[in-house]
C-alpha atoms as a PDB file:
ATOM      1  CA  MET A   1      66.897 104.977 -87.053  1.00  0.00           C
ATOM      2  CA  SER A   2      70.582 102.217 -87.464  1.00  0.00           C
ATOM      3  CA  VAL A   3      70.475 101.349 -91.572  1.00  0.00           C
ATOM      4  CA  PRO A   4      73.115  99.571 -92.782  1.00  0.00           C
ATOM      5  CA  ALA A   5      74.906 100.260 -96.642  1.00  0.00           C
ATOM      6  CA  LEU A   6      75.917  97.662 -98.517  1.00  0.00           C
ATOM      7  CA  PRO A   7      78.219  96.679-100.634  1.00  0.00           C
ATOM      8  CA  GLY A   8      77.365  96.639-104.233  1.00  0.00           C
ATOM      9  CA  ASN A   9      73.522  97.954-105.586  1.00  0.00           C
ATOM     10  CA  GLY A  10      70.444  97.575-103.481  1.00  0.00           C
ATOM     11  CA  GLU A  11      68.119  98.304-100.756  1.00  0.00           C
ATOM     12  CA  PRO A  12      69.989  98.211 -97.070  1.00  0.00           C
ATOM     13  CA  ILE A  13      68.607  96.136 -94.667  1.00  0.00           C
ATOM     14  CA  VAL A  14      67.152  97.606 -91.865  1.00  0.00           C
ATOM     15  CA  SER A  15      69.041  96.075 -88.571  1.00  0.00           C
ATOM     16  CA  PRO A  16      67.755  94.411 -85.895  1.00  0.00           C
ATOM     17  CA  GLY A  17      68.004  96.979 -83.560  1.00  0.00           C
ATOM     18  CA  SER A  18      66.361  99.715 -85.427  1.00  0.00           C
ATOM     19  CA  ALA A  19      63.002  97.376 -86.318  1.00  0.00           C
ATOM     20  CA  ALA A  20      61.403  98.167 -82.955  1.00  0.00           C
ATOM     21  CA  ALA A  21      61.869 101.566 -82.921  1.00  0.00           C
ATOM     22  CA  ILE A  22      60.713 101.600 -86.687  1.00  0.00           C
ATOM     23  CA  ILE A  23      57.511  99.600 -85.359  1.00  0.00           C
ATOM     24  CA  ASP A  24      57.556 101.735 -82.763  1.00  0.00           C
ATOM     25  CA  GLY A  25      56.658 104.569 -84.482  1.00  0.00           C
ATOM     26  CA  ASP A  26      54.772 102.740 -86.967  1.00  0.00           C
ATOM     27  CA  PRO A  27      53.194  99.501 -86.125  1.00  0.00           C
ATOM     28  CA  ALA A  28      51.937  98.332 -89.542  1.00  0.00           C
ATOM     29  CA  ALA A  29      55.545  99.403 -91.070  1.00  0.00           C
ATOM     30  CA  ASP A  30      57.213  97.219 -94.247  1.00  0.00           C
ATOM     31  CA  LEU A  31      60.278  95.907 -92.354  1.00  0.00           C
ATOM     32  CA  TYR A  32      60.846  94.546 -96.024  1.00  0.00           C
ATOM     33  CA  PRO A  33      60.621  96.209 -99.255  1.00  0.00           C
ATOM     34  CA  GLN A  34      57.399  96.158-101.657  1.00  0.00           C
ATOM     35  CA  PRO A  35      57.303  96.290-104.982  1.00  0.00           C
ATOM     36  CA  PRO A  36      54.267  98.449-106.205  1.00  0.00           C
ATOM     37  CA  VAL A  37      50.608  97.469-106.595  1.00  0.00           C
ATOM     38  CA  ASP A  38      47.997  97.935-109.869  1.00  0.00           C
ATOM     39  CA  PRO A  39      44.938 100.043-108.803  1.00  0.00           C
ATOM     40  CA  ALA A  40      42.342  97.994-107.107  1.00  0.00           C
ATOM     41  CA  VAL A  41      39.979  98.113-109.956  1.00  0.00           C
ATOM     42  CA  THR A  42      38.348  94.924-110.372  1.00  0.00           C
ATOM     43  CA  PRO A  43      35.918  93.322-107.554  1.00  0.00           C
ATOM     44  CA  PRO A  44      38.451  90.439-107.257  1.00  0.00           C
ATOM     45  CA  ALA A  45      41.468  92.957-106.962  1.00  0.00           C
ATOM     46  CA  ARG A  46      39.530  94.785-104.391  1.00  0.00           C
ATOM     47  CA  GLN A  47      39.384  91.830-102.942  1.00  0.00           C
ATOM     48  CA  VAL A  48      43.078  90.894-102.693  1.00  0.00           C
ATOM     49  CA  ALA A  49      43.617  95.034-101.296  1.00  0.00           C
ATOM     50  CA  ALA A  50      41.035  95.072 -98.580  1.00  0.00           C
ATOM     51  CA  LEU A  51      42.961  91.409 -98.066  1.00  0.00           C
ATOM     52  CA  SER A  52      46.294  93.946 -97.939  1.00  0.00           C
ATOM     53  CA  ASP A  53      44.694  95.935 -96.025  1.00  0.00           C
ATOM     54  CA  VAL A  54      43.104  93.851 -92.859  1.00  0.00           C
ATOM     55  CA  GLN A  55      46.853  91.746 -92.593  1.00  0.00           C
ATOM     56  CA  HIS A  56      48.670  95.440 -91.876  1.00  0.00           C
ATOM     57  CA  ARG A  57      45.722  96.107 -89.225  1.00  0.00           C
ATOM     58  CA  ILE A  58      46.110  92.052 -87.465  1.00  0.00           C
ATOM     59  CA  GLN A  59      50.038  94.146 -87.801  1.00  0.00           C
ATOM     60  CA  TYR A  60      49.256  96.824 -86.493  1.00  0.00           C
ATOM     61  CA  LEU A  61      47.064  95.642 -83.548  1.00  0.00           C
ATOM     62  CA  ASN A  62      49.708  92.473 -82.444  1.00  0.00           C
ATOM     63  CA  ASN A  63      52.998  95.042 -82.180  1.00  0.00           C
ATOM     64  CA  ILE A  64      50.214  97.261 -80.583  1.00  0.00           C
ATOM     65  CA  ILE A  65      48.965  94.809 -77.775  1.00  0.00           C
ATOM     66  CA  THR A  66      53.015  93.443 -77.753  1.00  0.00           C
ATOM     67  CA  ARG A  67      54.397  96.975 -76.898  1.00  0.00           C
ATOM     68  CA  THR A  68      51.479  97.790 -74.435  1.00  0.00           C
ATOM     69  CA  ARG A  69      52.262  94.823 -73.293  1.00  0.00           C
ATOM     70  CA  THR A  70      55.518  96.080 -72.393  1.00  0.00           C
ATOM     71  CA  ASP A  71      54.205  98.377 -70.659  1.00  0.00           C
ATOM     72  CA  LEU A  72      51.551  97.069 -67.995  1.00  0.00           C
ATOM     73  CA  ALA A  73      54.558  94.986 -66.885  1.00  0.00           C
ATOM     74  CA  ARG A  74      56.569  97.666 -66.245  1.00  0.00           C
ATOM     75  CA  VAL A  75      53.853  99.600 -64.719  1.00  0.00           C
ATOM     76  CA  GLN A  76      53.211  95.791 -62.571  1.00  0.00           C
ATOM     77  CA  ARG A  77      56.955  96.444 -60.913  1.00  0.00           C
ATOM     78  CA  ASP A  78      55.715  99.617 -58.379  1.00  0.00           C
ATOM     79  CA  PRO A  79      54.585  98.018 -55.275  1.00  0.00           C
ATOM     80  CA  ASP A  80      51.334  99.054 -55.293  1.00  0.00           C
ATOM     81  CA  PRO A  81      48.659  97.458 -52.685  1.00  0.00           C
ATOM     82  CA  MET A  82      45.773  98.344 -54.966  1.00  0.00           C
ATOM     83  CA  LEU A  83      47.920  97.166 -57.840  1.00  0.00           C
ATOM     84  CA  ARG A  84      48.364  93.749 -56.776  1.00  0.00           C
ATOM     85  CA  LEU A  85      45.544  93.027 -56.632  1.00  0.00           C
ATOM     86  CA  LEU A  86      44.596  94.207 -60.072  1.00  0.00           C
ATOM     87  CA  ILE A  87      46.960  92.119 -60.888  1.00  0.00           C
ATOM     88  CA  THR A  88      45.326  89.109 -59.733  1.00  0.00           C
ATOM     89  CA  LEU A  89      42.171  89.633 -60.751  1.00  0.00           C
ATOM     90  CA  THR A  90      43.764  90.288 -64.635  1.00  0.00           C
ATOM     91  CA  THR A  91      45.455  87.244 -64.511  1.00  0.00           C
ATOM     92  CA  GLY A  92      42.399  85.235 -63.355  1.00  0.00           C
ATOM     93  CA  ALA A  93      43.426  84.296 -59.901  1.00  0.00           C
ATOM     94  CA  VAL A  94      39.958  84.904 -58.163  1.00  0.00           C
ATOM     95  CA  PRO A  95      36.587  84.227 -60.484  1.00  0.00           C
ATOM     96  CA  ALA A  96      34.514  86.599 -61.147  1.00  0.00           C
ATOM     97  CA  SER A  97      32.025  85.502 -59.423  1.00  0.00           C
ATOM     98  CA  ASP A  98      34.778  86.434 -56.125  1.00  0.00           C
ATOM     99  CA  PRO A  99      31.435  88.558 -53.761  1.00  0.00           C
ATOM    100  CA  ASP A 100      33.855  91.386 -53.660  1.00  0.00           C
ATOM    101  CA  LEU A 101      35.105  91.885 -56.848  1.00  0.00           C
ATOM    102  CA  ALA A 102      32.278  94.444 -57.042  1.00  0.00           C
ATOM    103  CA  ALA A 103      33.298  96.308 -54.137  1.00  0.00           C
ATOM    104  CA  THR A 104      37.201  96.143 -55.747  1.00  0.00           C
ATOM    105  CA  LEU A 105      36.624  97.770 -59.115  1.00  0.00           C
ATOM    106  CA  ALA A 106      34.458 100.254 -57.431  1.00  0.00           C
ATOM    107  CA  ALA A 107      37.586 100.954 -55.010  1.00  0.00           C
ATOM    108  CA  ALA A 108      40.050 101.209 -58.787  1.00  0.00           C
ATOM    109  CA  ASP A 109      37.570 103.227 -60.820  1.00  0.00           C
ATOM    110  CA  SER A 110      37.915 105.831 -57.692  1.00  0.00           C
ATOM    111  CA  VAL A 111      41.952 106.216 -58.100  1.00  0.00           C
ATOM    112  CA  ASP A 112      43.031 108.680 -61.084  1.00  0.00           C
ATOM    113  CA  ALA A 113      44.121 106.539 -63.904  1.00  0.00           C
ATOM    114  CA  VAL A 114      46.702 109.536 -64.798  1.00  0.00           C
ATOM    115  CA  ASP A 115      48.571 109.906 -61.380  1.00  0.00           C
ATOM    116  CA  THR A 116      48.250 106.249 -60.114  1.00  0.00           C
ATOM    117  CA  ALA A 117      50.153 102.889 -61.145  1.00  0.00           C
ATOM    118  CA  THR A 118      46.741 101.333 -60.325  1.00  0.00           C
ATOM    119  CA  GLY A 119      45.526 103.643 -62.319  1.00  0.00           C
ATOM    120  CA  ARG A 120      47.584 103.269 -65.278  1.00  0.00           C
ATOM    121  CA  ALA A 121      47.567  99.538 -64.855  1.00  0.00           C
ATOM    122  CA  ALA A 122      44.073  99.734 -65.321  1.00  0.00           C
ATOM    123  CA  ALA A 123      44.226 102.154 -68.430  1.00  0.00           C
ATOM    124  CA  LEU A 124      46.536  99.336 -70.269  1.00  0.00           C
ATOM    125  CA  SER A 125      44.621  96.619 -69.247  1.00  0.00           C
ATOM    126  CA  ALA A 126      41.162  97.674 -70.435  1.00  0.00           C
ATOM    127  CA  ALA A 127      43.396  98.835 -74.037  1.00  0.00           C
ATOM    128  CA  ILE A 128      44.701  94.982 -74.700  1.00  0.00           C
ATOM    129  CA  THR A 129      41.095  93.834 -73.942  1.00  0.00           C
ATOM    130  CA  SER A 130      39.934  96.289 -76.690  1.00  0.00           C
ATOM    131  CA  GLY A 131      43.061  95.288 -78.892  1.00  0.00           C
ATOM    132  CA  LYS A 132      42.876  91.834 -78.389  1.00  0.00           C
ATOM    133  CA  THR A 133      38.577  92.040 -79.279  1.00  0.00           C
ATOM    134  CA  GLU A 134      39.695  94.013 -82.068  1.00  0.00           C
ATOM    135  CA  LEU A 135      42.243  91.586 -83.578  1.00  0.00           C
ATOM    136  CA  ALA A 136      39.837  89.239 -83.315  1.00  0.00           C
ATOM    137  CA  LEU A 137      37.183  90.327 -85.460  1.00  0.00           C
ATOM    138  CA  ARG A 138      39.926  91.249 -87.788  1.00  0.00           C
ATOM    139  CA  GLN A 139      41.277  88.206 -87.847  1.00  0.00           C
ATOM    140  CA  ARG A 140      37.513  86.395 -88.714  1.00  0.00           C
ATOM    141  CA  GLU A 141      37.597  88.824 -91.642  1.00  0.00           C
ATOM    142  CA  GLU A 142      40.695  87.824 -92.848  1.00  0.00           C
ATOM    143  CA  THR A 143      39.647  84.202 -93.100  1.00  0.00           C
ATOM    144  CA  ARG A 144      36.496  84.932 -94.993  1.00  0.00           C
ATOM    145  CA  LEU A 145      38.913  87.026 -97.416  1.00  0.00           C
ATOM    146  CA  ARG A 146      41.478  84.468 -97.536  1.00  0.00           C
ATOM    147  CA  GLN A 147      39.098  81.253 -97.982  1.00  0.00           C
ATOM    148  CA  GLU A 148      36.990  83.151-101.480  1.00  0.00           C
ATOM    149  CA  ILE A 149      40.592  84.277-102.765  1.00  0.00           C
ATOM    150  CA  ASP A 150      41.658  80.429-101.846  1.00  0.00           C
ATOM    151  CA  ARG A 151      38.434  79.804-104.460  1.00  0.00           C
ATOM    152  CA  ARG A 152      39.497  82.250-106.999  1.00  0.00           C
ATOM    153  CA  ALA A 153      42.399  80.712-107.136  1.00  0.00           C
ATOM    154  CA  ARG A 154      41.874  77.271-107.628  1.00  0.00           C
ATOM    155  CA  LEU A 155      39.281  77.892-109.802  1.00  0.00           C
ATOM    156  CA  ALA A 156      41.649  80.271-111.786  1.00  0.00           C
ATOM    157  CA  THR A 157      44.293  77.904-112.076  1.00  0.00           C
ATOM    158  CA  ALA A 158      41.789  74.904-113.115  1.00  0.00           C
ATOM    159  CA  ILE A 159      41.183  76.733-116.444  1.00  0.00           C
ATOM    160  CA  PRO A 160      43.355  77.861-119.228  1.00  0.00           C
ATOM    161  CA  GLN A 161      44.382  81.724-118.613  1.00  0.00           C
ATOM    162  CA  PRO A 162      44.571  84.723-121.283  1.00  0.00           C
ATOM    163  CA  VAL A 163      47.806  84.086-122.576  1.00  0.00           C
ATOM    164  CA  SER A 164      49.404  87.522-122.991  1.00  0.00           C
ATOM    165  CA  THR A 165      53.442  86.997-124.101  1.00  0.00           C
ATOM    166  CA  PRO A 166      54.625  83.436-125.442  1.00  0.00           C
ATOM    167  CA  ALA A 167      56.259  82.310-122.192  1.00  0.00           C
ATOM    168  CA  ALA A 168      53.243  83.476-120.466  1.00  0.00           C
ATOM    169  CA  TYR A 169      51.013  82.073-117.499  1.00  0.00           C
ATOM    170  CA  GLY A 170      48.835  79.846-119.058  1.00  0.00           C
ATOM    171  CA  GLU A 171      49.151  75.939-118.036  1.00  0.00           C
ATOM    172  CA  GLY A 172      46.691  75.732-115.244  1.00  0.00           C
ATOM    173  CA  ARG A 173      48.149  75.035-111.201  1.00  0.00           C
ATOM    174  CA  LEU A 174      51.909  77.160-111.101  1.00  0.00           C
ATOM    175  CA  SER A 175      54.708  74.223-110.065  1.00  0.00           C
ATOM    176  CA  PRO A 176      56.573  74.162-106.943  1.00  0.00           C
ATOM    177  CA  PRO A 177      60.069  76.415-107.306  1.00  0.00           C
ATOM    178  CA  LEU A 178      61.478  72.894-105.338  1.00  0.00           C
ATOM    179  CA  SER A 179      61.520  70.276-103.287  1.00  0.00           C
ATOM    180  CA  GLY A 180      61.454  71.511 -99.187  1.00  0.00           C
ATOM    181  CA  ARG A 181      59.362  71.318 -96.166  1.00  0.00           C
ATOM    182  CA  LEU A 182      57.364  74.253 -96.031  1.00  0.00           C
ATOM    183  CA  THR A 183      58.889  76.126 -92.135  1.00  0.00           C
ATOM    184  CA  SER A 184      56.565  79.014 -92.022  1.00  0.00           C
ATOM    185  CA  ARG A 185      52.806  79.803 -93.827  1.00  0.00           C
ATOM    186  CA  PHE A 186      52.024  82.706 -95.208  1.00  0.00           C
ATOM    187  CA  GLY A 187      49.925  85.636 -92.890  1.00  0.00           C
ATOM    188  CA  THR A 188      51.285  87.985 -89.686  1.00  0.00           C
ATOM    189  CA  ARG A 189      53.606  86.152 -87.833  1.00  0.00           C
ATOM    190  CA  PHE A 190      56.333  87.065 -85.174  1.00  0.00           C
ATOM    191  CA  ASP A 191      59.257  87.727 -87.667  1.00  0.00           C
ATOM    192  CA  PRO A 192      62.145  85.116 -86.371  1.00  0.00           C
ATOM    193  CA  TYR A 193      64.646  88.070 -87.810  1.00  0.00           C
ATOM    194  CA  TYR A 194      63.431  91.422 -86.579  1.00  0.00           C
ATOM    195  CA  HIS A 195      61.887  90.192 -83.523  1.00  0.00           C
ATOM    196  CA  VAL A 196      57.807  92.000 -84.159  1.00  0.00           C
ATOM    197  CA  TRP A 197      54.874  91.392 -85.922  1.00  0.00           C
ATOM    198  CA  GLN A 198      55.647  91.573 -89.505  1.00  0.00           C
ATOM    199  CA  LEU A 199      53.294  90.259 -92.712  1.00  0.00           C
ATOM    200  CA  HIS A 200      54.833  87.499 -94.246  1.00  0.00           C
ATOM    201  CA  ALA A 201      53.828  87.732 -97.122  1.00  0.00           C
ATOM    202  CA  GLY A 202      55.107  84.442 -98.839  1.00  0.00           C
ATOM    203  CA  VAL A 203      55.753  81.018 -97.553  1.00  0.00           C
ATOM    204  CA  ASP A 204      59.582  79.698 -96.565  1.00  0.00           C
ATOM    205  CA  LEU A 205      60.380  75.922 -97.934  1.00  0.00           C
ATOM    206  CA  ALA A 206      64.275  75.021 -96.230  1.00  0.00           C
ATOM    207  CA  ALA A 207      66.261  73.484 -98.739  1.00  0.00           C
ATOM    208  CA  PRO A 208      70.283  73.398 -98.754  1.00  0.00           C
ATOM    209  CA  THR A 209      72.480  75.885 -99.900  1.00  0.00           C
ATOM    210  CA  GLY A 210      72.732  75.607-103.462  1.00  0.00           C
ATOM    211  CA  THR A 211      69.374  73.885-104.732  1.00  0.00           C
ATOM    212  CA  PRO A 212      68.061  74.766-107.593  1.00  0.00           C
ATOM    213  CA  ILE A 213      65.070  77.154-107.707  1.00  0.00           C
ATOM    214  CA  LEU A 214      63.305  76.432-110.618  1.00  0.00           C
ATOM    215  CA  ALA A 215      60.478  79.297-112.345  1.00  0.00           C
ATOM    216  CA  ALA A 216      56.716  77.872-110.941  1.00  0.00           C
ATOM    217  CA  ALA A 217      55.613  79.079-114.912  1.00  0.00           C
ATOM    218  CA  GLY A 218      56.924  80.591-117.888  1.00  0.00           C
ATOM    219  CA  GLY A 219      56.745  84.172-118.096  1.00  0.00           C
ATOM    220  CA  ARG A 220      59.358  87.792-117.705  1.00  0.00           C
ATOM    221  CA  VAL A 221      61.582  88.714-115.029  1.00  0.00           C
ATOM    222  CA  THR A 222      60.855  92.155-113.897  1.00  0.00           C
ATOM    223  CA  ARG A 223      63.420  92.329-111.121  1.00  0.00           C
ATOM    224  CA  ALA A 224      66.543  90.749-110.557  1.00  0.00           C
ATOM    225  CA  GLY A 225      68.972  91.429-107.833  1.00  0.00           C
ATOM    226  CA  TRP A 226      69.888  92.910-104.007  1.00  0.00           C
ATOM    227  CA  TYR A 227      65.785  93.685-102.129  1.00  0.00           C
ATOM    228  CA  GLY A 228      66.430  94.948 -99.135  1.00  0.00           C
ATOM    229  CA  GLY A 229      65.651  92.373 -96.824  1.00  0.00           C
ATOM    230  CA  TYR A 230      64.791  89.786 -99.140  1.00  0.00           C
ATOM    231  CA  GLY A 231      68.241  89.900-100.151  1.00  0.00           C
ATOM    232  CA  ASN A 232      69.062  88.576-103.361  1.00  0.00           C
ATOM    233  CA  TYR A 233      64.948  88.703-105.171  1.00  0.00           C
ATOM    234  CA  THR A 234      63.857  87.498-107.935  1.00  0.00           C
ATOM    235  CA  CYS A 235      60.322  88.432-109.585  1.00  0.00           C
ATOM    236  CA  ILE A 236      58.907  87.111-112.482  1.00  0.00           C
ATOM    237  CA  ASP A 237      55.206  88.690-114.668  1.00  0.00           C
ATOM    238  CA  HIS A 238      53.183  85.200-115.759  1.00  0.00           C
ATOM    239  CA  GLY A 239      50.809  87.593-117.490  1.00  0.00           C
ATOM    240  CA  ARG A 240      47.008  87.950-116.012  1.00  0.00           C
ATOM    241  CA  ALA A 241      44.736  85.142-113.899  1.00  0.00           C
ATOM    242  CA  ASP A 242      41.211  86.059-112.613  1.00  0.00           C
ATOM    243  CA  GLY A 243      41.972  89.305-113.842  1.00  0.00           C
ATOM    244  CA  GLN A 244      44.562  90.478-112.429  1.00  0.00           C
ATOM    245  CA  ARG A 245      48.774  90.783-112.773  1.00  0.00           C
ATOM    246  CA  LEU A 246      49.761  87.148-111.537  1.00  0.00           C
ATOM    247  CA  SER A 247      53.276  87.268-110.349  1.00  0.00           C
ATOM    248  CA  THR A 248      55.903  84.482-108.854  1.00  0.00           C
ATOM    249  CA  CYS A 249      58.915  86.311-106.542  1.00  0.00           C
ATOM    250  CA  TYR A 250      62.153  84.184-104.939  1.00  0.00           C
ATOM    251  CA  GLY A 251      64.162  85.447-101.978  1.00  0.00           C
ATOM    252  CA  HIS A 252      67.360  85.247 -99.710  1.00  0.00           C
ATOM    253  CA  GLN A 253      68.604  83.204-102.328  1.00  0.00           C
ATOM    254  CA  SER A 254      72.712  82.930-102.941  1.00  0.00           C
ATOM    255  CA  ARG A 255      72.793  83.277-107.061  1.00  0.00           C
ATOM    256  CA  LEU A 256      70.327  84.880-109.035  1.00  0.00           C
ATOM    257  CA  LEU A 257      70.520  82.870-112.597  1.00  0.00           C
ATOM    258  CA  VAL A 258      68.875  85.234-114.798  1.00  0.00           C
ATOM    259  CA  SER A 259      68.072  89.339-115.447  1.00  0.00           C
ATOM    260  CA  PRO A 260      65.646  91.869-115.807  1.00  0.00           C
ATOM    261  CA  GLY A 261      63.880  91.321-118.873  1.00  0.00           C
ATOM    262  CA  GLN A 262      64.656  87.693-119.965  1.00  0.00           C
ATOM    263  CA  GLN A 263      61.776  85.344-120.634  1.00  0.00           C
ATOM    264  CA  VAL A 264      61.794  82.145-118.455  1.00  0.00           C
ATOM    265  CA  ARG A 265      60.034  78.916-119.106  1.00  0.00           C
ATOM    266  CA  ALA A 266      58.466  77.029-116.438  1.00  0.00           C
ATOM    267  CA  GLY A 267      60.971  74.731-114.323  1.00  0.00           C
ATOM    268  CA  GLN A 268      64.083  77.016-115.633  1.00  0.00           C
ATOM    269  CA  VAL A 269      66.488  77.338-113.148  1.00  0.00           C
ATOM    270  CA  ILE A 270      66.420  80.843-112.023  1.00  0.00           C
ATOM    271  CA  GLY A 271      68.248  80.597-108.706  1.00  0.00           C
ATOM    272  CA  ARG A 272      70.369  78.911-105.715  1.00  0.00           C
ATOM    273  CA  VAL A 273      68.696  78.714-102.241  1.00  0.00           C
ATOM    274  CA  GLY A 274      70.743  81.104-100.145  1.00  0.00           C
ATOM    275  CA  SER A 275      70.169  82.619 -96.663  1.00  0.00           C
ATOM    276  CA  THR A 276      70.953  86.386 -98.077  1.00  0.00           C
ATOM    277  CA  GLY A 277      69.323  89.408 -96.724  1.00  0.00           C
ATOM    278  CA  ALA A 278      67.187  89.222 -93.411  1.00  0.00           C
ATOM    279  CA  SER A 279      67.376  85.378 -92.909  1.00  0.00           C
ATOM    280  CA  THR A 280      67.894  82.508 -89.612  1.00  0.00           C
ATOM    281  CA  GLY A 281      69.174  80.166 -92.736  1.00  0.00           C
ATOM    282  CA  PRO A 282      69.304  78.389 -95.940  1.00  0.00           C
ATOM    283  CA  HIS A 283      65.546  78.189 -97.215  1.00  0.00           C
ATOM    284  CA  LEU A 284      63.359  79.712-100.229  1.00  0.00           C
ATOM    285  CA  HIS A 285      60.987  82.408 -99.252  1.00  0.00           C
ATOM    286  CA  PHE A 286      58.558  81.769-102.015  1.00  0.00           C
ATOM    287  CA  GLU A 287      55.575  84.321-103.225  1.00  0.00           C
ATOM    288  CA  VAL A 288      52.612  84.495-105.407  1.00  0.00           C
ATOM    289  CA  ARG A 289      51.560  88.501-106.220  1.00  0.00           C
ATOM    290  CA  LEU A 290      48.095  89.473-107.824  1.00  0.00           C
ATOM    291  CA  GLY A 291      48.631  93.302-109.102  1.00  0.00           C
ATOM    292  CA  GLY A 292      51.795  93.152-106.643  1.00  0.00           C
ATOM    293  CA  ARG A 293      49.571  92.271-103.885  1.00  0.00           C
ATOM    294  CA  PRO A 294      51.210  89.256-101.819  1.00  0.00           C
ATOM    295  CA  VAL A 295      48.609  86.136-102.131  1.00  0.00           C
ATOM    296  CA  ASP A 296      49.521  82.596-100.253  1.00  0.00           C
ATOM    297  CA  PRO A 297      51.259  80.378-102.460  1.00  0.00           C
ATOM    298  CA  LEU A 298      49.923  77.136-101.287  1.00  0.00           C
ATOM    299  CA  PRO A 299      46.472  77.111-103.344  1.00  0.00           C
ATOM    300  CA  TRP A 300      48.271  77.963-106.765  1.00  0.00           C
ATOM    301  CA  ILE A 301      51.164  74.828-106.186  1.00  0.00           C
END
């Protein structure tokens, strides 16, 4: 694996060329470093932890299906008449009611699945079908968990919260960190930088380089520096919400204007928009984390 060293301190960036190899070894691997998480000891925390688990499973399945499709395409290049017929069937060119379908499948079943292209294609096609079935199941589970977590977020942000520090979260909803166009939502996506399926732990807001980034709420800066694919990355602890540690994080900055341990107020300029780290253009990557685990920021702002 090629992981280039960077000038100064901080985590290196996984190179785009090595991302596929990392995902091949672990389809659920995090290509972006993740902050430590708190123990999930309360029902809301266990719910957020379950969401994180199912999203990594969705990432795993998407990467496995993509890899299996690539393997199938490679096998399909074999000039095998039975394989060509199987391809026709799996692409839907022949309706399922075709009277010769049963005979065709019986012939395919008689072929050794290990030693022939037809058998390998049949096995790969079956794996893709199985993976897609589980993927749909996990996506429904993710939707259910997200809806419940989002509902709790709206309740948590609609009432005052206990203030754990003088500048802690306790003023209701979080403020938008800037006014920008939403270009990518929270959730599993095909990463535009690494070209593999990866959990997108926040939302992307397009804005010109140098645009001021505002603290979404008051709190204490826990991280401000280079953090792998996030580039220049700041995290702020806002106290507790819904019984969990609430923090916001801001990635790909061109300039950091705060330091770890510093207290900041809501709306304070904490940095400038940039395109550092694993970024394809100037924007702010904005995260909301509960107990260190990412949740959808949109219900909070």
